[in-house]
Amino acid sequence: MKTIKDTEFGGERPLFGERNLRLENVTIHAGESALKCCANIDADNCRFEGKYPFWHVDTFHVTNSLFTPGARAALWYSRNLVMEDTQVDTPKMFREMDGIVLRRVNIPDGEETLWHCDNVDIEDVTIGNADYLFMHSNNIRINRWTQHGNYSFQYCNNVEIHNAEIHSKDAFWGTENVTIYDSRLIGEYLGWHSRRLTLVRCHISGTQPLCYARDLKLIDCTFDADCDLAFEDSEVDARITSPVTSIKNPKAGRIIAPSVGEVIIDEFSLAKDPVEIHP
């Protein structure tokens, strides 16, 4: 493998088409597509300042590096990425990618990040300002994850999350086959229109959670007092270990909780048979 170290590049496509290349302490200045159409790239202790540095790249490993705000849309249309111990200060990362491993990565500006990605494995990652995070992505596994940003995980399939804190309005809308363990989910309108969403030992905050869902399951979860008007038009099997403020028009199934402040069944209920609600 060829090594380039302790140098700088700028302009357009300075390393286009490179194969089997290691970069050490390299700075990519303003310009575009520094490593476009490359393969088998290692980048350690590098600084990326220009736009689109990794597009159409096959197999690359980025460690101990920095993506500055100028490196927008840095990793698109690529596959087989491992990124570790890296700071990402730019939005719109990771688009149309297959095979992403992130370890100990900090992304303070994660707007419109991780769209249309497949086979994503994340651990020890913090992401902020993450509006529209994970749109239309599949086969995702996450452990030890902290997120602030709305409209996340919309239309995702096959997701498993452990030990997360997710601050997000409208999270998990239209998802399929999502399971979340031992996590805090904070935000309004959680999980609307989802199919096969399972929450295990999770704590839920925010108004009108878990409505219009199919095959919804809750196992030993807790609700904040602001979780009102829950489960409207949902098919649900829920075991909740805290009081529930109010439930509105569940469609089918059963809900077990120590107490329910109010059960609302009005003329808009679509239930064919009464839903079991009891301690």
C-alpha atoms as a PDB file:
ATOM      1  CA  MET A   1       0.000   0.000   0.000  1.00  0.00           C
ATOM      2  CA  LYS A   2       1.351   3.411  -0.985  1.00  0.00           C
ATOM      3  CA  THR A   3       1.608   6.002   1.831  1.00  0.00           C
ATOM      4  CA  ILE A   4       1.271   9.773   1.568  1.00  0.00           C
ATOM      5  CA  LYS A   5       1.979  11.711   4.756  1.00  0.00           C
ATOM      6  CA  ASP A   6       2.503  15.195   6.155  1.00  0.00           C
ATOM      7  CA  THR A   7       1.241  17.032   3.081  1.00  0.00           C
ATOM      8  CA  GLU A   8      -1.705  19.052   1.703  1.00  0.00           C
ATOM      9  CA  PHE A   9      -3.957  18.921  -1.347  1.00  0.00           C
ATOM     10  CA  GLY A  10      -6.507  21.312  -2.808  1.00  0.00           C
ATOM     11  CA  GLY A  11      -8.456  21.935  -5.952  1.00  0.00           C
ATOM     12  CA  GLU A  12     -10.598  19.417  -7.800  1.00  0.00           C
ATOM     13  CA  ARG A  13     -10.026  15.630  -7.669  1.00  0.00           C
ATOM     14  CA  PRO A  14      -6.347  15.660  -6.599  1.00  0.00           C
ATOM     15  CA  LEU A  15      -6.418  11.933  -5.732  1.00  0.00           C
ATOM     16  CA  PHE A  16      -8.979  10.727  -8.253  1.00  0.00           C
ATOM     17  CA  GLY A  17      -9.055   6.982  -8.849  1.00  0.00           C
ATOM     18  CA  GLU A  18      -6.371   6.063  -6.312  1.00  0.00           C
ATOM     19  CA  ARG A  19      -6.197   2.453  -5.104  1.00  0.00           C
ATOM     20  CA  ASN A  20      -4.490   0.945  -2.043  1.00  0.00           C
ATOM     21  CA  LEU A  21      -3.510   4.296  -0.546  1.00  0.00           C
ATOM     22  CA  ARG A  22      -2.781   5.309   3.062  1.00  0.00           C
ATOM     23  CA  LEU A  23      -2.997   8.963   4.078  1.00  0.00           C
ATOM     24  CA  GLU A  24      -1.286  10.079   7.302  1.00  0.00           C
ATOM     25  CA  ASN A  25      -1.541  13.629   8.606  1.00  0.00           C
ATOM     26  CA  VAL A  26      -2.886  14.913   5.282  1.00  0.00           C
ATOM     27  CA  THR A  27      -5.056  18.022   4.854  1.00  0.00           C
ATOM     28  CA  ILE A  28      -7.553  18.284   2.014  1.00  0.00           C
ATOM     29  CA  HIS A  29      -8.168  22.011   1.473  1.00  0.00           C
ATOM     30  CA  ALA A  30     -11.033  23.708  -0.338  1.00  0.00           C
ATOM     31  CA  GLY A  31     -11.982  22.034  -3.595  1.00  0.00           C
ATOM     32  CA  GLU A  32     -14.167  19.164  -4.680  1.00  0.00           C
ATOM     33  CA  SER A  33     -14.083  15.367  -4.781  1.00  0.00           C
ATOM     34  CA  ALA A  34     -10.558  14.801  -3.509  1.00  0.00           C
ATOM     35  CA  LEU A  35     -10.857  10.998  -3.380  1.00  0.00           C
ATOM     36  CA  LYS A  36     -13.541  10.292  -5.942  1.00  0.00           C
ATOM     37  CA  CYS A  37     -13.808   6.787  -7.448  1.00  0.00           C
ATOM     38  CA  CYS A  38     -11.133   5.343  -5.157  1.00  0.00           C
ATOM     39  CA  ALA A  39     -10.765   1.957  -3.411  1.00  0.00           C
ATOM     40  CA  ASN A  40      -8.943   0.574  -0.378  1.00  0.00           C
ATOM     41  CA  ILE A  41      -8.150   3.893   1.287  1.00  0.00           C
ATOM     42  CA  ASP A  42      -6.866   4.385   4.862  1.00  0.00           C
ATOM     43  CA  ALA A  43      -6.937   7.925   6.274  1.00  0.00           C
ATOM     44  CA  ASP A  44      -5.484   8.558   9.735  1.00  0.00           C
ATOM     45  CA  ASN A  45      -5.125  11.906  11.493  1.00  0.00           C
ATOM     46  CA  CYS A  46      -6.375  13.745   8.424  1.00  0.00           C
ATOM     47  CA  ARG A  47      -8.295  16.994   7.995  1.00  0.00           C
ATOM     48  CA  PHE A  48     -10.981  17.380   5.329  1.00  0.00           C
ATOM     49  CA  GLU A  49     -12.002  20.944   4.403  1.00  0.00           C
ATOM     50  CA  GLY A  50     -13.229  20.626   0.811  1.00  0.00           C
ATOM     51  CA  LYS A  51     -16.599  19.388  -0.460  1.00  0.00           C
ATOM     52  CA  TYR A  52     -17.408  15.781  -1.382  1.00  0.00           C
ATOM     53  CA  PRO A  53     -14.053  14.187  -0.421  1.00  0.00           C
ATOM     54  CA  PHE A  54     -15.261  10.566  -0.527  1.00  0.00           C
ATOM     55  CA  TRP A  55     -17.718   9.900  -3.364  1.00  0.00           C
ATOM     56  CA  HIS A  56     -17.990   6.530  -5.124  1.00  0.00           C
ATOM     57  CA  VAL A  57     -15.368   4.948  -2.845  1.00  0.00           C
ATOM     58  CA  ASP A  58     -15.165   1.198  -2.215  1.00  0.00           C
ATOM     59  CA  THR A  59     -13.654   0.117   1.114  1.00  0.00           C
ATOM     60  CA  PHE A  60     -12.143   2.860   3.283  1.00  0.00           C
ATOM     61  CA  HIS A  61     -11.097   3.360   6.886  1.00  0.00           C
ATOM     62  CA  VAL A  62     -11.067   6.809   8.502  1.00  0.00           C
ATOM     63  CA  THR A  63      -9.545   7.246  11.989  1.00  0.00           C
ATOM     64  CA  ASN A  64      -8.652  10.156  14.290  1.00  0.00           C
ATOM     65  CA  SER A  65      -9.712  12.678  11.676  1.00  0.00           C
ATOM     66  CA  LEU A  66     -11.723  15.877  11.294  1.00  0.00           C
ATOM     67  CA  PHE A  67     -14.353  16.886   8.744  1.00  0.00           C
ATOM     68  CA  THR A  68     -14.764  20.672   8.941  1.00  0.00           C
ATOM     69  CA  PRO A  69     -18.006  22.497   8.001  1.00  0.00           C
ATOM     70  CA  GLY A  70     -16.635  23.028   4.499  1.00  0.00           C
ATOM     71  CA  ALA A  71     -16.555  19.272   3.849  1.00  0.00           C
ATOM     72  CA  ARG A  72     -20.305  19.102   3.209  1.00  0.00           C
ATOM     73  CA  ALA A  73     -21.840  15.931   1.839  1.00  0.00           C
ATOM     74  CA  ALA A  74     -18.527  14.219   2.437  1.00  0.00           C
ATOM     75  CA  LEU A  75     -19.394  10.533   2.034  1.00  0.00           C
ATOM     76  CA  TRP A  76     -21.938   9.595  -0.645  1.00  0.00           C
ATOM     77  CA  TYR A  77     -22.489   6.689  -3.048  1.00  0.00           C
ATOM     78  CA  SER A  78     -19.837   4.558  -1.323  1.00  0.00           C
ATOM     79  CA  ARG A  79     -19.534   1.194   0.396  1.00  0.00           C
ATOM     80  CA  ASN A  80     -17.636  -0.545   3.184  1.00  0.00           C
ATOM     81  CA  LEU A  81     -16.703   2.354   5.449  1.00  0.00           C
ATOM     82  CA  VAL A  82     -15.211   2.069   8.939  1.00  0.00           C
ATOM     83  CA  MET A  83     -14.932   5.411  10.770  1.00  0.00           C
ATOM     84  CA  GLU A  84     -13.456   5.593  14.289  1.00  0.00           C
ATOM     85  CA  ASP A  85     -12.536   8.335  16.779  1.00  0.00           C
ATOM     86  CA  THR A  86     -13.466  11.090  14.346  1.00  0.00           C
ATOM     87  CA  GLN A  87     -15.096  14.525  14.615  1.00  0.00           C
ATOM     88  CA  VAL A  88     -17.657  15.395  11.939  1.00  0.00           C
ATOM     89  CA  ASP A  89     -18.618  19.090  11.962  1.00  0.00           C
ATOM     90  CA  THR A  90     -20.607  19.086   8.736  1.00  0.00           C
ATOM     91  CA  PRO A  91     -24.156  18.028   7.810  1.00  0.00           C
ATOM     92  CA  LYS A  92     -25.525  15.740   5.099  1.00  0.00           C
ATOM     93  CA  MET A  93     -23.052  12.930   5.693  1.00  0.00           C
ATOM     94  CA  PHE A  94     -23.488   9.318   4.574  1.00  0.00           C
ATOM     95  CA  ARG A  95     -25.914   9.091   1.636  1.00  0.00           C
ATOM     96  CA  GLU A  96     -26.710   6.158  -0.630  1.00  0.00           C
ATOM     97  CA  MET A  97     -24.146   3.925   1.125  1.00  0.00           C
ATOM     98  CA  ASP A  98     -23.916   0.186   1.838  1.00  0.00           C
ATOM     99  CA  GLY A  99     -21.831  -0.980   4.791  1.00  0.00           C
ATOM    100  CA  ILE A 100     -21.134   1.689   7.433  1.00  0.00           C
ATOM    101  CA  VAL A 101     -19.402   1.120  10.780  1.00  0.00           C
ATOM    102  CA  LEU A 102     -19.132   4.122  13.118  1.00  0.00           C
ATOM    103  CA  ARG A 103     -17.270   3.905  16.441  1.00  0.00           C
ATOM    104  CA  ARG A 104     -16.733   6.833  18.823  1.00  0.00           C
ATOM    105  CA  VAL A 105     -17.796   9.464  16.326  1.00  0.00           C
ATOM    106  CA  ASN A 106     -19.172  12.896  17.280  1.00  0.00           C
ATOM    107  CA  ILE A 107     -21.464  14.701  14.831  1.00  0.00           C
ATOM    108  CA  PRO A 108     -22.721  18.007  16.301  1.00  0.00           C
ATOM    109  CA  ASP A 109     -24.475  19.057  13.071  1.00  0.00           C
ATOM    110  CA  GLY A 110     -26.202  15.952  11.741  1.00  0.00           C
ATOM    111  CA  GLU A 111     -28.974  17.486   9.650  1.00  0.00           C
ATOM    112  CA  GLU A 112     -30.121  15.228   6.782  1.00  0.00           C
ATOM    113  CA  THR A 113     -27.534  12.578   7.598  1.00  0.00           C
ATOM    114  CA  LEU A 114     -27.652   8.823   6.863  1.00  0.00           C
ATOM    115  CA  TRP A 115     -30.213   8.793   4.055  1.00  0.00           C
ATOM    116  CA  HIS A 116     -30.852   5.718   1.897  1.00  0.00           C
ATOM    117  CA  CYS A 117     -28.141   3.672   3.626  1.00  0.00           C
ATOM    118  CA  ASP A 118     -28.006  -0.097   4.160  1.00  0.00           C
ATOM    119  CA  ASN A 119     -26.140  -2.246   6.705  1.00  0.00           C
ATOM    120  CA  VAL A 120     -25.248   0.359   9.317  1.00  0.00           C
ATOM    121  CA  ASP A 121     -23.500  -0.556  12.601  1.00  0.00           C
ATOM    122  CA  ILE A 122     -23.090   2.268  15.139  1.00  0.00           C
ATOM    123  CA  GLU A 123     -21.622   2.339  18.656  1.00  0.00           C
ATOM    124  CA  ASP A 124     -20.716   5.204  21.001  1.00  0.00           C
ATOM    125  CA  VAL A 125     -21.925   7.981  18.719  1.00  0.00           C
ATOM    126  CA  THR A 126     -23.402  11.381  19.634  1.00  0.00           C
ATOM    127  CA  ILE A 127     -25.277  13.430  17.056  1.00  0.00           C
ATOM    128  CA  GLY A 128     -26.896  16.868  17.359  1.00  0.00           C
ATOM    129  CA  ASN A 129     -29.055  19.132  15.191  1.00  0.00           C
ATOM    130  CA  ALA A 130     -30.122  15.911  13.511  1.00  0.00           C
ATOM    131  CA  ASP A 131     -33.371  16.854  11.766  1.00  0.00           C
ATOM    132  CA  TYR A 132     -34.403  14.256   9.169  1.00  0.00           C
ATOM    133  CA  LEU A 133     -31.818  11.749  10.342  1.00  0.00           C
ATOM    134  CA  PHE A 134     -31.953   8.206   8.894  1.00  0.00           C
ATOM    135  CA  MET A 135     -34.483   8.576   6.095  1.00  0.00           C
ATOM    136  CA  HIS A 136     -35.297   5.413   4.105  1.00  0.00           C
ATOM    137  CA  SER A 137     -32.409   3.375   5.558  1.00  0.00           C
ATOM    138  CA  ASN A 138     -32.368  -0.361   6.271  1.00  0.00           C
ATOM    139  CA  ASN A 139     -30.612  -2.953   8.429  1.00  0.00           C
ATOM    140  CA  ILE A 140     -29.380  -0.705  11.220  1.00  0.00           C
ATOM    141  CA  ARG A 141     -27.862  -1.716  14.563  1.00  0.00           C
ATOM    142  CA  ILE A 142     -27.103   0.930  17.201  1.00  0.00           C
ATOM    143  CA  ASN A 143     -25.638   0.746  20.720  1.00  0.00           C
ATOM    144  CA  ARG A 144     -24.885   3.648  23.065  1.00  0.00           C
ATOM    145  CA  TRP A 145     -26.321   6.462  20.991  1.00  0.00           C
ATOM    146  CA  THR A 146     -27.356  10.024  21.927  1.00  0.00           C
ATOM    147  CA  GLN A 147     -29.360  12.101  19.470  1.00  0.00           C
ATOM    148  CA  HIS A 148     -31.032  15.525  19.326  1.00  0.00           C
ATOM    149  CA  GLY A 149     -33.055  16.292  16.202  1.00  0.00           C
ATOM    150  CA  ASN A 150     -36.572  15.839  14.852  1.00  0.00           C
ATOM    151  CA  TYR A 151     -38.205  13.583  12.236  1.00  0.00           C
ATOM    152  CA  SER A 152     -35.662  10.796  12.676  1.00  0.00           C
ATOM    153  CA  PHE A 153     -35.733   7.209  11.405  1.00  0.00           C
ATOM    154  CA  GLN A 154     -38.666   7.828   9.074  1.00  0.00           C
ATOM    155  CA  TYR A 155     -39.433   4.932   6.715  1.00  0.00           C
ATOM    156  CA  CYS A 156     -36.573   2.755   8.017  1.00  0.00           C
ATOM    157  CA  ASN A 157     -36.697  -1.059   8.065  1.00  0.00           C
ATOM    158  CA  ASN A 158     -34.997  -3.650  10.257  1.00  0.00           C
ATOM    159  CA  VAL A 159     -33.588  -1.502  13.065  1.00  0.00           C
ATOM    160  CA  GLU A 160     -32.253  -2.623  16.460  1.00  0.00           C
ATOM    161  CA  ILE A 161     -31.303   0.002  19.063  1.00  0.00           C
ATOM    162  CA  HIS A 162     -29.807  -0.465  22.544  1.00  0.00           C
ATOM    163  CA  ASN A 163     -28.977   2.031  25.303  1.00  0.00           C
ATOM    164  CA  ALA A 164     -29.977   5.180  23.452  1.00  0.00           C
ATOM    165  CA  GLU A 165     -31.300   8.611  24.334  1.00  0.00           C
ATOM    166  CA  ILE A 166     -33.324   9.955  21.434  1.00  0.00           C
ATOM    167  CA  HIS A 167     -34.757  13.485  21.508  1.00  0.00           C
ATOM    168  CA  SER A 168     -36.902  13.629  18.393  1.00  0.00           C
ATOM    169  CA  LYS A 169     -40.363  14.785  17.423  1.00  0.00           C
ATOM    170  CA  ASP A 170     -42.032  12.432  14.930  1.00  0.00           C
ATOM    171  CA  ALA A 171     -39.465   9.648  15.388  1.00  0.00           C
ATOM    172  CA  PHE A 172     -39.940   6.244  13.743  1.00  0.00           C
ATOM    173  CA  TRP A 173     -42.838   7.229  11.472  1.00  0.00           C
ATOM    174  CA  GLY A 174     -43.673   4.631   8.844  1.00  0.00           C
ATOM    175  CA  THR A 175     -40.983   2.201  10.045  1.00  0.00           C
ATOM    176  CA  GLU A 176     -41.074  -1.595   9.849  1.00  0.00           C
ATOM    177  CA  ASN A 177     -39.420  -4.159  12.118  1.00  0.00           C
ATOM    178  CA  VAL A 178     -37.869  -1.854  14.711  1.00  0.00           C
ATOM    179  CA  THR A 179     -36.884  -3.031  18.205  1.00  0.00           C
ATOM    180  CA  ILE A 180     -35.565  -0.633  20.861  1.00  0.00           C
ATOM    181  CA  TYR A 181     -34.117  -1.784  24.206  1.00  0.00           C
ATOM    182  CA  ASP A 182     -33.318   0.088  27.431  1.00  0.00           C
ATOM    183  CA  SER A 183     -33.623   3.560  25.919  1.00  0.00           C
ATOM    184  CA  ARG A 184     -35.198   6.971  26.537  1.00  0.00           C
ATOM    185  CA  LEU A 185     -37.465   8.285  23.769  1.00  0.00           C
ATOM    186  CA  ILE A 186     -38.305  11.958  24.219  1.00  0.00           C
ATOM    187  CA  GLY A 187     -40.543  13.758  21.736  1.00  0.00           C
ATOM    188  CA  GLU A 188     -44.047  14.114  20.397  1.00  0.00           C
ATOM    189  CA  TYR A 189     -45.894  11.687  18.095  1.00  0.00           C
ATOM    190  CA  LEU A 190     -43.582   8.709  18.540  1.00  0.00           C
ATOM    191  CA  GLY A 191     -43.912   5.786  16.159  1.00  0.00           C
ATOM    192  CA  TRP A 192     -46.976   6.859  14.178  1.00  0.00           C
ATOM    193  CA  HIS A 193     -47.902   4.613  11.232  1.00  0.00           C
ATOM    194  CA  SER A 194     -45.227   2.068  12.203  1.00  0.00           C
ATOM    195  CA  ARG A 195     -45.449  -1.690  11.691  1.00  0.00           C
ATOM    196  CA  ARG A 196     -43.893  -4.199  14.102  1.00  0.00           C
ATOM    197  CA  LEU A 197     -42.384  -1.638  16.466  1.00  0.00           C
ATOM    198  CA  THR A 198     -41.261  -3.240  19.759  1.00  0.00           C
ATOM    199  CA  LEU A 199     -40.102  -1.253  22.800  1.00  0.00           C
ATOM    200  CA  VAL A 200     -38.430  -3.137  25.656  1.00  0.00           C
ATOM    201  CA  ARG A 201     -37.753  -1.429  29.003  1.00  0.00           C
ATOM    202  CA  CYS A 202     -37.945   1.993  27.408  1.00  0.00           C
ATOM    203  CA  HIS A 203     -39.002   5.305  28.968  1.00  0.00           C
ATOM    204  CA  ILE A 204     -41.287   7.414  26.772  1.00  0.00           C
ATOM    205  CA  SER A 205     -42.029  11.147  26.952  1.00  0.00           C
ATOM    206  CA  GLY A 206     -44.222  13.360  24.766  1.00  0.00           C
ATOM    207  CA  THR A 207     -47.825  13.777  23.742  1.00  0.00           C
ATOM    208  CA  GLN A 208     -49.805  11.343  21.583  1.00  0.00           C
ATOM    209  CA  PRO A 209     -47.298   8.495  21.390  1.00  0.00           C
ATOM    210  CA  LEU A 210     -47.678   5.331  19.365  1.00  0.00           C
ATOM    211  CA  CYS A 211     -50.763   6.067  17.272  1.00  0.00           C
ATOM    212  CA  TYR A 212     -51.880   4.432  13.994  1.00  0.00           C
ATOM    213  CA  ALA A 213     -49.409   1.577  14.583  1.00  0.00           C
ATOM    214  CA  ARG A 214     -49.778  -2.062  13.596  1.00  0.00           C
ATOM    215  CA  ASP A 215     -48.307  -5.009  15.529  1.00  0.00           C
ATOM    216  CA  LEU A 216     -47.065  -2.649  18.249  1.00  0.00           C
ATOM    217  CA  LYS A 217     -45.549  -4.216  21.372  1.00  0.00           C
ATOM    218  CA  LEU A 218     -44.366  -2.649  24.636  1.00  0.00           C
ATOM    219  CA  ILE A 219     -42.602  -4.751  27.292  1.00  0.00           C
ATOM    220  CA  ASP A 220     -42.033  -3.262  30.761  1.00  0.00           C
ATOM    221  CA  CYS A 221     -41.959   0.329  29.541  1.00  0.00           C
ATOM    222  CA  THR A 222     -42.668   3.519  31.500  1.00  0.00           C
ATOM    223  CA  PHE A 223     -44.534   6.669  30.455  1.00  0.00           C
ATOM    224  CA  ASP A 224     -44.024  10.276  31.544  1.00  0.00           C
ATOM    225  CA  ALA A 225     -47.101  12.213  32.642  1.00  0.00           C
ATOM    226  CA  ASP A 226     -47.063  14.133  29.337  1.00  0.00           C
ATOM    227  CA  CYS A 227     -47.729  10.909  27.387  1.00  0.00           C
ATOM    228  CA  ASP A 228     -51.421  11.585  26.860  1.00  0.00           C
ATOM    229  CA  LEU A 229     -53.853  10.397  24.182  1.00  0.00           C
ATOM    230  CA  ALA A 230     -51.766   7.297  23.537  1.00  0.00           C
ATOM    231  CA  PHE A 231     -52.435   4.452  21.085  1.00  0.00           C
ATOM    232  CA  GLU A 232     -55.123   6.008  18.883  1.00  0.00           C
ATOM    233  CA  ASP A 233     -56.101   3.562  16.123  1.00  0.00           C
ATOM    234  CA  SER A 234     -53.228   1.222  17.081  1.00  0.00           C
ATOM    235  CA  GLU A 235     -53.090  -2.553  17.302  1.00  0.00           C
ATOM    236  CA  VAL A 236     -51.170  -2.907  20.551  1.00  0.00           C
ATOM    237  CA  ASP A 237     -49.950  -5.415  23.113  1.00  0.00           C
ATOM    238  CA  ALA A 238     -48.507  -3.281  25.927  1.00  0.00           C
ATOM    239  CA  ARG A 239     -47.238  -3.936  29.428  1.00  0.00           C
ATOM    240  CA  ILE A 240     -46.532  -0.557  31.021  1.00  0.00           C
ATOM    241  CA  THR A 241     -45.099  -0.371  34.542  1.00  0.00           C
ATOM    242  CA  SER A 242     -45.999   3.287  35.275  1.00  0.00           C
ATOM    243  CA  PRO A 243     -49.318   5.146  35.371  1.00  0.00           C
ATOM    244  CA  VAL A 244     -50.670   6.290  32.008  1.00  0.00           C
ATOM    245  CA  THR A 245     -52.272   9.733  31.738  1.00  0.00           C
ATOM    246  CA  SER A 246     -54.764   8.916  28.974  1.00  0.00           C
ATOM    247  CA  ILE A 247     -55.502   6.425  26.211  1.00  0.00           C
ATOM    248  CA  LYS A 248     -57.610   7.295  23.170  1.00  0.00           C
ATOM    249  CA  ASN A 249     -59.414   4.985  20.745  1.00  0.00           C
ATOM    250  CA  PRO A 250     -57.047   2.002  20.572  1.00  0.00           C
ATOM    251  CA  LYS A 251     -58.065  -0.272  17.713  1.00  0.00           C
ATOM    252  CA  ALA A 252     -57.222  -3.764  18.977  1.00  0.00           C
ATOM    253  CA  GLY A 253     -55.198  -5.694  21.544  1.00  0.00           C
ATOM    254  CA  ARG A 254     -54.589  -5.181  25.257  1.00  0.00           C
ATOM    255  CA  ILE A 255     -52.933  -2.600  27.489  1.00  0.00           C
ATOM    256  CA  ILE A 256     -51.760  -3.445  30.998  1.00  0.00           C
ATOM    257  CA  ALA A 257     -50.761  -0.576  33.311  1.00  0.00           C
ATOM    258  CA  PRO A 258     -50.937   0.045  37.071  1.00  0.00           C
ATOM    259  CA  SER A 259     -53.430   2.855  36.434  1.00  0.00           C
ATOM    260  CA  VAL A 260     -54.909   4.896  33.583  1.00  0.00           C
ATOM    261  CA  GLY A 261     -56.106   8.426  34.264  1.00  0.00           C
ATOM    262  CA  GLU A 262     -58.597   8.542  31.366  1.00  0.00           C
ATOM    263  CA  VAL A 263     -59.776   6.189  28.651  1.00  0.00           C
ATOM    264  CA  ILE A 264     -61.380   8.031  25.731  1.00  0.00           C
ATOM    265  CA  ILE A 265     -63.594   6.040  23.369  1.00  0.00           C
ATOM    266  CA  ASP A 266     -65.513   8.375  21.110  1.00  0.00           C
ATOM    267  CA  GLU A 267     -67.362   8.324  17.778  1.00  0.00           C
ATOM    268  CA  PHE A 268     -64.063   8.144  15.890  1.00  0.00           C
ATOM    269  CA  SER A 269     -63.049   4.784  17.360  1.00  0.00           C
ATOM    270  CA  LEU A 270     -62.326   2.077  14.773  1.00  0.00           C
ATOM    271  CA  ALA A 271     -62.261  -0.812  17.248  1.00  0.00           C
ATOM    272  CA  LYS A 272     -64.460  -3.754  16.275  1.00  0.00           C
ATOM    273  CA  ASP A 273     -64.273  -5.156  19.804  1.00  0.00           C
ATOM    274  CA  PRO A 274     -63.374  -3.470  23.094  1.00  0.00           C
ATOM    275  CA  VAL A 275     -59.653  -3.343  23.787  1.00  0.00           C
ATOM    276  CA  GLU A 276     -58.535  -4.862  27.102  1.00  0.00           C
ATOM    277  CA  ILE A 277     -57.278  -2.128  29.412  1.00  0.00           C
ATOM    278  CA  HIS A 278     -56.534  -3.242  32.954  1.00  0.00           C
ATOM    279  CA  PRO A 279     -53.881  -3.388  35.683  1.00  0.00           C
END
